[in-house]
Amino acid sequence: MGVIKLKNIRTFSYHGCLIEEGKIGSDYTVDLKVKTNLEKSADTDHLLDTVDYVHLNKIVTEEMAIRSHLLEHVAKRINNRVLAEIETVEKTTVWVSKINPPIGGDVESVTIKMTEIRK
């Protein structure tokens, strides 16, 4: 087994429970880690034998563009879509961070982390 990780994917999205969050949006970062077998691609040196991180990035950016009230909902959609679209992925973990959240304090970000395992 091996790991592919996309780190610090930056998006501008409209998630949150407040009406204002849906109108003005906010900056987000996403980290995505997938566990998969990398032995074949290490031997063959062919993109078709591995998990294409361009595909992973596309999933993240498309799901982040769909408004949700909760970061947990976005993270679950990302994990589920990776497992549905990429058969060789056995486990996926996503961290979704809202930068400068509107929580009445000096907080750099709030992050949720969720993991899904292929059943």
C-alpha atoms as a PDB file:
ATOM      1  CA  MET A   1       0.000   0.000   0.000  1.00  0.00           C
ATOM      2  CA  GLY A   2       0.935   3.605  -0.490  1.00  0.00           C
ATOM      3  CA  VAL A   3      -0.414   7.080   0.119  1.00  0.00           C
ATOM      4  CA  ILE A   4      -1.122   9.982  -2.207  1.00  0.00           C
ATOM      5  CA  LYS A   5      -1.751  13.313  -0.479  1.00  0.00           C
ATOM      6  CA  LEU A   6      -2.913  16.603  -1.922  1.00  0.00           C
ATOM      7  CA  LYS A   7      -2.041  19.366   0.492  1.00  0.00           C
ATOM      8  CA  ASN A   8      -3.474  22.852   0.847  1.00  0.00           C
ATOM      9  CA  ILE A   9      -5.965  22.903  -2.040  1.00  0.00           C
ATOM     10  CA  ARG A  10      -7.277  26.467  -1.891  1.00  0.00           C
ATOM     11  CA  THR A  11     -10.872  27.366  -2.777  1.00  0.00           C
ATOM     12  CA  PHE A  12     -13.270  30.235  -2.316  1.00  0.00           C
ATOM     13  CA  SER A  13     -16.596  28.716  -1.316  1.00  0.00           C
ATOM     14  CA  TYR A  14     -19.933  29.559   0.267  1.00  0.00           C
ATOM     15  CA  HIS A  15     -20.350  27.100   3.148  1.00  0.00           C
ATOM     16  CA  GLY A  16     -21.851  27.934   6.515  1.00  0.00           C
ATOM     17  CA  CYS A  17     -25.068  28.200   8.492  1.00  0.00           C
ATOM     18  CA  LEU A  18     -25.217  32.000   8.393  1.00  0.00           C
ATOM     19  CA  ILE A  19     -27.074  33.658   5.507  1.00  0.00           C
ATOM     20  CA  GLU A  20     -24.127  36.033   5.049  1.00  0.00           C
ATOM     21  CA  GLU A  21     -21.733  33.114   4.534  1.00  0.00           C
ATOM     22  CA  GLY A  22     -23.805  31.992   1.567  1.00  0.00           C
ATOM     23  CA  LYS A  23     -23.651  35.470   0.060  1.00  0.00           C
ATOM     24  CA  ILE A  24     -20.109  36.697   0.678  1.00  0.00           C
ATOM     25  CA  GLY A  25     -18.204  33.389   0.804  1.00  0.00           C
ATOM     26  CA  SER A  26     -14.912  32.605   2.459  1.00  0.00           C
ATOM     27  CA  ASP A  27     -11.492  31.099   1.852  1.00  0.00           C
ATOM     28  CA  TYR A  28     -11.005  27.382   2.487  1.00  0.00           C
ATOM     29  CA  THR A  29      -8.197  24.872   2.296  1.00  0.00           C
ATOM     30  CA  VAL A  30      -8.550  21.144   1.798  1.00  0.00           C
ATOM     31  CA  ASP A  31      -6.064  18.327   2.345  1.00  0.00           C
ATOM     32  CA  LEU A  32      -6.874  14.929   0.880  1.00  0.00           C
ATOM     33  CA  LYS A  33      -5.071  11.659   1.590  1.00  0.00           C
ATOM     34  CA  VAL A  34      -5.859   8.404  -0.195  1.00  0.00           C
ATOM     35  CA  LYS A  35      -4.500   4.955   0.527  1.00  0.00           C
ATOM     36  CA  THR A  36      -3.992   2.761  -2.530  1.00  0.00           C
ATOM     37  CA  ASN A  37      -1.664   0.175  -3.965  1.00  0.00           C
ATOM     38  CA  LEU A  38       1.218   1.973  -5.708  1.00  0.00           C
ATOM     39  CA  GLU A  39       3.333  -1.080  -6.545  1.00  0.00           C
ATOM     40  CA  LYS A  40       2.157  -1.484 -10.147  1.00  0.00           C
ATOM     41  CA  SER A  41       2.618   2.180 -11.047  1.00  0.00           C
ATOM     42  CA  ALA A  42       6.039   2.182  -9.382  1.00  0.00           C
ATOM     43  CA  ASP A  43       7.034  -0.675 -11.706  1.00  0.00           C
ATOM     44  CA  THR A  44       5.351   0.451 -14.930  1.00  0.00           C
ATOM     45  CA  ASP A  45       5.757   4.243 -14.687  1.00  0.00           C
ATOM     46  CA  HIS A  46       2.297   4.632 -16.326  1.00  0.00           C
ATOM     47  CA  LEU A  47      -0.333   7.117 -15.176  1.00  0.00           C
ATOM     48  CA  LEU A  48      -3.131   4.637 -15.892  1.00  0.00           C
ATOM     49  CA  ASP A  49      -1.700   2.336 -13.180  1.00  0.00           C
ATOM     50  CA  THR A  50      -2.068   4.856 -10.363  1.00  0.00           C
ATOM     51  CA  VAL A  51      -4.535   7.315  -8.856  1.00  0.00           C
ATOM     52  CA  ASP A  52      -4.400  10.487 -10.927  1.00  0.00           C
ATOM     53  CA  TYR A  53      -4.102  13.436  -8.546  1.00  0.00           C
ATOM     54  CA  VAL A  54      -5.621  15.693 -11.212  1.00  0.00           C
ATOM     55  CA  HIS A  55      -8.806  13.626 -10.803  1.00  0.00           C
ATOM     56  CA  LEU A  56      -8.595  13.956  -7.021  1.00  0.00           C
ATOM     57  CA  ASN A  57      -8.193  17.733  -7.252  1.00  0.00           C
ATOM     58  CA  LYS A  58     -11.186  17.927  -9.605  1.00  0.00           C
ATOM     59  CA  ILE A  59     -13.368  16.047  -7.136  1.00  0.00           C
ATOM     60  CA  VAL A  60     -12.359  18.381  -4.305  1.00  0.00           C
ATOM     61  CA  THR A  61     -12.911  21.602  -6.252  1.00  0.00           C
ATOM     62  CA  GLU A  62     -16.258  20.453  -7.656  1.00  0.00           C
ATOM     63  CA  GLU A  63     -17.579  19.384  -4.253  1.00  0.00           C
ATOM     64  CA  MET A  64     -16.318  22.564  -2.581  1.00  0.00           C
ATOM     65  CA  ALA A  65     -18.328  24.557  -5.160  1.00  0.00           C
ATOM     66  CA  ILE A  66     -21.594  23.024  -3.864  1.00  0.00           C
ATOM     67  CA  ARG A  67     -22.882  25.052  -0.913  1.00  0.00           C
ATOM     68  CA  SER A  68     -23.337  23.217   2.379  1.00  0.00           C
ATOM     69  CA  HIS A  69     -24.207  24.391   5.862  1.00  0.00           C
ATOM     70  CA  LEU A  70     -21.612  22.139   7.517  1.00  0.00           C
ATOM     71  CA  LEU A  71     -18.007  21.296   6.649  1.00  0.00           C
ATOM     72  CA  GLU A  72     -18.763  17.713   7.675  1.00  0.00           C
ATOM     73  CA  HIS A  73     -21.252  17.439   4.824  1.00  0.00           C
ATOM     74  CA  VAL A  74     -18.684  18.630   2.272  1.00  0.00           C
ATOM     75  CA  ALA A  75     -16.018  16.267   3.646  1.00  0.00           C
ATOM     76  CA  LYS A  76     -18.367  13.281   3.470  1.00  0.00           C
ATOM     77  CA  ARG A  77     -19.262  14.085  -0.139  1.00  0.00           C
ATOM     78  CA  ILE A  78     -15.574  14.333  -1.085  1.00  0.00           C
ATOM     79  CA  ASN A  79     -14.712  11.010   0.593  1.00  0.00           C
ATOM     80  CA  ASN A  80     -17.710   9.208  -0.896  1.00  0.00           C
ATOM     81  CA  ARG A  81     -17.058  10.513  -4.387  1.00  0.00           C
ATOM     82  CA  VAL A  82     -13.390   9.485  -4.320  1.00  0.00           C
ATOM     83  CA  LEU A  83     -14.368   5.951  -3.312  1.00  0.00           C
ATOM     84  CA  ALA A  84     -17.161   5.830  -5.907  1.00  0.00           C
ATOM     85  CA  GLU A  85     -15.056   7.076  -8.817  1.00  0.00           C
ATOM     86  CA  ILE A  86     -11.656   5.507  -8.121  1.00  0.00           C
ATOM     87  CA  GLU A  87     -11.904   1.761  -7.538  1.00  0.00           C
ATOM     88  CA  THR A  88      -8.304   1.299  -6.406  1.00  0.00           C
ATOM     89  CA  VAL A  89      -8.612   3.670  -3.426  1.00  0.00           C
ATOM     90  CA  GLU A  90      -9.068   1.700  -0.189  1.00  0.00           C
ATOM     91  CA  LYS A  91      -9.209   4.566   2.308  1.00  0.00           C
ATOM     92  CA  THR A  92      -9.645   8.306   2.068  1.00  0.00           C
ATOM     93  CA  THR A  93      -9.173  11.054   4.631  1.00  0.00           C
ATOM     94  CA  VAL A  94     -10.091  14.682   4.072  1.00  0.00           C
ATOM     95  CA  TRP A  95      -9.395  17.795   6.128  1.00  0.00           C
ATOM     96  CA  VAL A  96     -11.579  20.822   5.310  1.00  0.00           C
ATOM     97  CA  SER A  97     -10.531  24.141   6.853  1.00  0.00           C
ATOM     98  CA  LYS A  98     -12.450  27.401   6.910  1.00  0.00           C
ATOM     99  CA  ILE A  99      -9.993  30.286   7.036  1.00  0.00           C
ATOM    100  CA  ASN A 100     -10.905  33.152   9.359  1.00  0.00           C
ATOM    101  CA  PRO A 101     -14.243  31.695  10.525  1.00  0.00           C
ATOM    102  CA  PRO A 102     -16.900  34.151  11.774  1.00  0.00           C
ATOM    103  CA  ILE A 103     -16.911  32.928  15.393  1.00  0.00           C
ATOM    104  CA  GLY A 104     -16.272  36.166  17.256  1.00  0.00           C
ATOM    105  CA  GLY A 105     -12.604  35.638  17.993  1.00  0.00           C
ATOM    106  CA  ASP A 106      -9.127  35.763  16.516  1.00  0.00           C
ATOM    107  CA  VAL A 107      -9.071  32.255  15.027  1.00  0.00           C
ATOM    108  CA  GLU A 108      -6.915  31.457  12.004  1.00  0.00           C
ATOM    109  CA  SER A 109      -9.038  28.510  10.871  1.00  0.00           C
ATOM    110  CA  VAL A 110     -11.380  25.763  11.919  1.00  0.00           C
ATOM    111  CA  THR A 111     -10.757  22.279  10.529  1.00  0.00           C
ATOM    112  CA  ILE A 112     -12.742  19.079  10.394  1.00  0.00           C
ATOM    113  CA  LYS A 113     -11.227  15.708   9.492  1.00  0.00           C
ATOM    114  CA  MET A 114     -13.191  12.707   8.241  1.00  0.00           C
ATOM    115  CA  THR A 115     -12.131   9.260   7.045  1.00  0.00           C
ATOM    116  CA  GLU A 116     -13.959   6.661   4.959  1.00  0.00           C
ATOM    117  CA  ILE A 117     -12.859   3.083   4.258  1.00  0.00           C
ATOM    118  CA  ARG A 118     -14.013   1.039   1.296  1.00  0.00           C
ATOM    119  CA  LYS A 119     -16.503  -1.587   2.450  1.00  0.00           C
END
